[in-house]
Amino acid sequence: MIEVMKESEGALLGVHVSGLLHEADYRMFLPTLEERFREYGKLRVLFYADESFEGWDLRAAWEDVSVGLKHASDFERMAVVGAPEWVNWCMKLSAFLMKGEIRIFARDEIDDAWAWVKG
């Protein structure tokens, strides 16, 4: 499941993910994301993975990569919070594709992640 967090405002977008993400999750979330890009241009994103987060199925992974490539220069900052180590490694490996900054935070550092992403 993908949810927009209540702390989101303007160009600041908090995304809470849980369970195994499917293409249907992206179909529901992408209009919100695209609207924010149209309205604000660049976004500062906090990606929060709770304890139940398992990752992406194949179609959802493709959607995620597609959005990442399409908007590679539109993410000003991205804080990745609480994600499994394999996700953190994937973020570090893909960071060269993004123009913005990426930082990894432990789940208990969510307040620090919000402070950083707000900049």
C-alpha atoms as a PDB file:
ATOM      1  CA  MET A   1       0.000   0.000   0.000  1.00  0.00           C
ATOM      2  CA  ILE A   2       1.142   3.551  -0.754  1.00  0.00           C
ATOM      3  CA  GLU A   3      -0.227   6.439   1.307  1.00  0.00           C
ATOM      4  CA  VAL A   4       0.486  10.158   1.297  1.00  0.00           C
ATOM      5  CA  MET A   5       1.516  11.147   4.824  1.00  0.00           C
ATOM      6  CA  LYS A   6      -0.357  13.912   6.669  1.00  0.00           C
ATOM      7  CA  GLU A   7       2.842  15.965   7.014  1.00  0.00           C
ATOM      8  CA  SER A   8       2.890  16.490   3.242  1.00  0.00           C
ATOM      9  CA  GLU A   9       2.425  20.054   2.052  1.00  0.00           C
ATOM     10  CA  GLY A  10       3.368  21.900  -1.095  1.00  0.00           C
ATOM     11  CA  ALA A  11       6.524  20.494  -2.656  1.00  0.00           C
ATOM     12  CA  LEU A  12       7.138  18.316   0.410  1.00  0.00           C
ATOM     13  CA  LEU A  13       5.698  14.821  -0.034  1.00  0.00           C
ATOM     14  CA  GLY A  14       5.775  12.090   2.571  1.00  0.00           C
ATOM     15  CA  VAL A  15       5.054   8.604   1.234  1.00  0.00           C
ATOM     16  CA  HIS A  16       4.296   5.694   3.578  1.00  0.00           C
ATOM     17  CA  VAL A  17       4.657   2.235   2.052  1.00  0.00           C
ATOM     18  CA  SER A  18       3.705  -1.102   3.559  1.00  0.00           C
ATOM     19  CA  GLY A  19       3.321  -4.707   2.498  1.00  0.00           C
ATOM     20  CA  LEU A  20       4.142  -5.802  -1.034  1.00  0.00           C
ATOM     21  CA  LEU A  21       3.553  -3.049  -3.603  1.00  0.00           C
ATOM     22  CA  HIS A  22       1.584  -3.900  -6.744  1.00  0.00           C
ATOM     23  CA  GLU A  23       0.900  -2.121 -10.016  1.00  0.00           C
ATOM     24  CA  ALA A  24      -2.582  -1.214  -8.711  1.00  0.00           C
ATOM     25  CA  ASP A  25      -0.960   0.705  -5.845  1.00  0.00           C
ATOM     26  CA  TYR A  26       0.934   2.802  -8.381  1.00  0.00           C
ATOM     27  CA  ARG A  27      -2.171   3.370 -10.509  1.00  0.00           C
ATOM     28  CA  MET A  28      -3.826   4.906  -7.447  1.00  0.00           C
ATOM     29  CA  PHE A  29      -0.771   6.921  -6.331  1.00  0.00           C
ATOM     30  CA  LEU A  30       0.728   8.196  -9.606  1.00  0.00           C
ATOM     31  CA  PRO A  31      -1.957  10.822 -10.343  1.00  0.00           C
ATOM     32  CA  THR A  32      -1.191  12.456  -6.984  1.00  0.00           C
ATOM     33  CA  LEU A  33       2.545  12.379  -7.672  1.00  0.00           C
ATOM     34  CA  GLU A  34       2.187  13.735 -11.212  1.00  0.00           C
ATOM     35  CA  GLU A  35      -0.094  16.539  -9.994  1.00  0.00           C
ATOM     36  CA  ARG A  36       2.551  17.597  -7.459  1.00  0.00           C
ATOM     37  CA  PHE A  37       5.226  17.618 -10.154  1.00  0.00           C
ATOM     38  CA  ARG A  38       3.005  19.761 -12.395  1.00  0.00           C
ATOM     39  CA  GLU A  39       2.221  22.167  -9.571  1.00  0.00           C
ATOM     40  CA  TYR A  40       5.651  22.483  -7.904  1.00  0.00           C
ATOM     41  CA  GLY A  41       8.210  21.266 -10.438  1.00  0.00           C
ATOM     42  CA  LYS A  42      10.730  19.743  -8.056  1.00  0.00           C
ATOM     43  CA  LEU A  43       9.740  17.741  -4.986  1.00  0.00           C
ATOM     44  CA  ARG A  44      11.300  16.882  -1.665  1.00  0.00           C
ATOM     45  CA  VAL A  45      10.196  13.352  -0.786  1.00  0.00           C
ATOM     46  CA  LEU A  46      10.305  11.316   2.394  1.00  0.00           C
ATOM     47  CA  PHE A  47       9.874   7.608   1.601  1.00  0.00           C
ATOM     48  CA  TYR A  48       8.882   5.789   4.804  1.00  0.00           C
ATOM     49  CA  ALA A  49       8.857   1.977   4.761  1.00  0.00           C
ATOM     50  CA  ASP A  50       7.175   0.473   7.801  1.00  0.00           C
ATOM     51  CA  GLU A  51       8.064  -2.913   9.301  1.00  0.00           C
ATOM     52  CA  SER A  52       5.633  -4.749   7.017  1.00  0.00           C
ATOM     53  CA  PHE A  53       7.204  -3.439   3.783  1.00  0.00           C
ATOM     54  CA  GLU A  54       8.260  -6.347   1.527  1.00  0.00           C
ATOM     55  CA  GLY A  55       9.174  -4.514  -1.672  1.00  0.00           C
ATOM     56  CA  TRP A  56       7.649  -4.514  -5.146  1.00  0.00           C
ATOM     57  CA  ASP A  57       6.206  -7.168  -7.400  1.00  0.00           C
ATOM     58  CA  LEU A  58       7.608  -7.125 -10.945  1.00  0.00           C
ATOM     59  CA  ARG A  59       5.014  -4.769 -12.455  1.00  0.00           C
ATOM     60  CA  ALA A  60       5.206  -2.362  -9.512  1.00  0.00           C
ATOM     61  CA  ALA A  61       9.004  -2.369  -9.735  1.00  0.00           C
ATOM     62  CA  TRP A  62       8.718  -1.431 -13.408  1.00  0.00           C
ATOM     63  CA  GLU A  63       6.347   1.437 -12.536  1.00  0.00           C
ATOM     64  CA  ASP A  64       8.743   2.640  -9.849  1.00  0.00           C
ATOM     65  CA  VAL A  65      11.736   2.587 -12.202  1.00  0.00           C
ATOM     66  CA  SER A  66       9.725   4.313 -14.949  1.00  0.00           C
ATOM     67  CA  VAL A  67       8.709   7.160 -12.631  1.00  0.00           C
ATOM     68  CA  GLY A  68      12.251   7.449 -11.318  1.00  0.00           C
ATOM     69  CA  LEU A  69      13.701   7.752 -14.816  1.00  0.00           C
ATOM     70  CA  LYS A  70      11.012  10.145 -16.039  1.00  0.00           C
ATOM     71  CA  HIS A  71      11.508  12.466 -13.068  1.00  0.00           C
ATOM     72  CA  ALA A  72      15.202  11.873 -12.345  1.00  0.00           C
ATOM     73  CA  SER A  73      15.912  15.599 -12.250  1.00  0.00           C
ATOM     74  CA  ASP A  74      12.666  16.496 -10.434  1.00  0.00           C
ATOM     75  CA  PHE A  75      13.503  15.076  -7.012  1.00  0.00           C
ATOM     76  CA  GLU A  76      15.321  17.811  -5.108  1.00  0.00           C
ATOM     77  CA  ARG A  77      15.819  15.672  -2.009  1.00  0.00           C
ATOM     78  CA  MET A  78      14.780  12.175  -1.059  1.00  0.00           C
ATOM     79  CA  ALA A  79      14.939  10.732   2.449  1.00  0.00           C
ATOM     80  CA  VAL A  80      14.573   6.947   2.602  1.00  0.00           C
ATOM     81  CA  VAL A  81      13.447   5.914   6.072  1.00  0.00           C
ATOM     82  CA  GLY A  82      13.229   2.420   7.531  1.00  0.00           C
ATOM     83  CA  ALA A  83      13.734   0.545   4.285  1.00  0.00           C
ATOM     84  CA  PRO A  84      15.349  -2.892   4.258  1.00  0.00           C
ATOM     85  CA  GLU A  85      19.082  -2.921   3.547  1.00  0.00           C
ATOM     86  CA  TRP A  86      18.586  -4.229   0.001  1.00  0.00           C
ATOM     87  CA  VAL A  87      16.403  -1.190  -0.811  1.00  0.00           C
ATOM     88  CA  ASN A  88      19.030   1.137   0.647  1.00  0.00           C
ATOM     89  CA  TRP A  89      21.662  -0.456  -1.597  1.00  0.00           C
ATOM     90  CA  CYS A  90      19.403  -0.070  -4.632  1.00  0.00           C
ATOM     91  CA  MET A  91      18.914   3.610  -3.781  1.00  0.00           C
ATOM     92  CA  LYS A  92      22.661   4.129  -3.428  1.00  0.00           C
ATOM     93  CA  LEU A  93      23.298   2.399  -6.767  1.00  0.00           C
ATOM     94  CA  SER A  94      20.630   4.418  -8.574  1.00  0.00           C
ATOM     95  CA  ALA A  95      21.616   7.738  -6.974  1.00  0.00           C
ATOM     96  CA  PHE A  96      23.854   8.583  -9.929  1.00  0.00           C
ATOM     97  CA  LEU A  97      20.712   8.797 -12.118  1.00  0.00           C
ATOM     98  CA  MET A  98      19.071  11.382  -9.893  1.00  0.00           C
ATOM     99  CA  LYS A  99      20.075  15.019  -9.815  1.00  0.00           C
ATOM    100  CA  GLY A 100      18.926  15.566  -6.216  1.00  0.00           C
ATOM    101  CA  GLU A 101      20.304  14.408  -2.893  1.00  0.00           C
ATOM    102  CA  ILE A 102      19.412  11.065  -1.323  1.00  0.00           C
ATOM    103  CA  ARG A 103      19.947  10.169   2.312  1.00  0.00           C
ATOM    104  CA  ILE A 104      19.182   6.953   4.157  1.00  0.00           C
ATOM    105  CA  PHE A 105      17.714   7.029   7.680  1.00  0.00           C
ATOM    106  CA  ALA A 106      16.845   4.319  10.197  1.00  0.00           C
ATOM    107  CA  ARG A 107      13.172   3.992  11.133  1.00  0.00           C
ATOM    108  CA  ASP A 108      13.767   5.645  14.520  1.00  0.00           C
ATOM    109  CA  GLU A 109      15.337   8.671  12.774  1.00  0.00           C
ATOM    110  CA  ILE A 110      12.140   9.780  11.051  1.00  0.00           C
ATOM    111  CA  ASP A 111      12.155  13.185  12.796  1.00  0.00           C
ATOM    112  CA  ASP A 112      15.714  13.795  11.574  1.00  0.00           C
ATOM    113  CA  ALA A 113      14.659  12.695   8.078  1.00  0.00           C
ATOM    114  CA  TRP A 114      11.768  15.182   8.054  1.00  0.00           C
ATOM    115  CA  ALA A 115      14.093  17.968   9.215  1.00  0.00           C
ATOM    116  CA  TRP A 116      16.638  17.122   6.497  1.00  0.00           C
ATOM    117  CA  VAL A 117      14.154  16.751   3.659  1.00  0.00           C
ATOM    118  CA  LYS A 118      12.534  20.096   4.591  1.00  0.00           C
ATOM    119  CA  GLY A 119      16.039  21.570   4.440  1.00  0.00           C
END
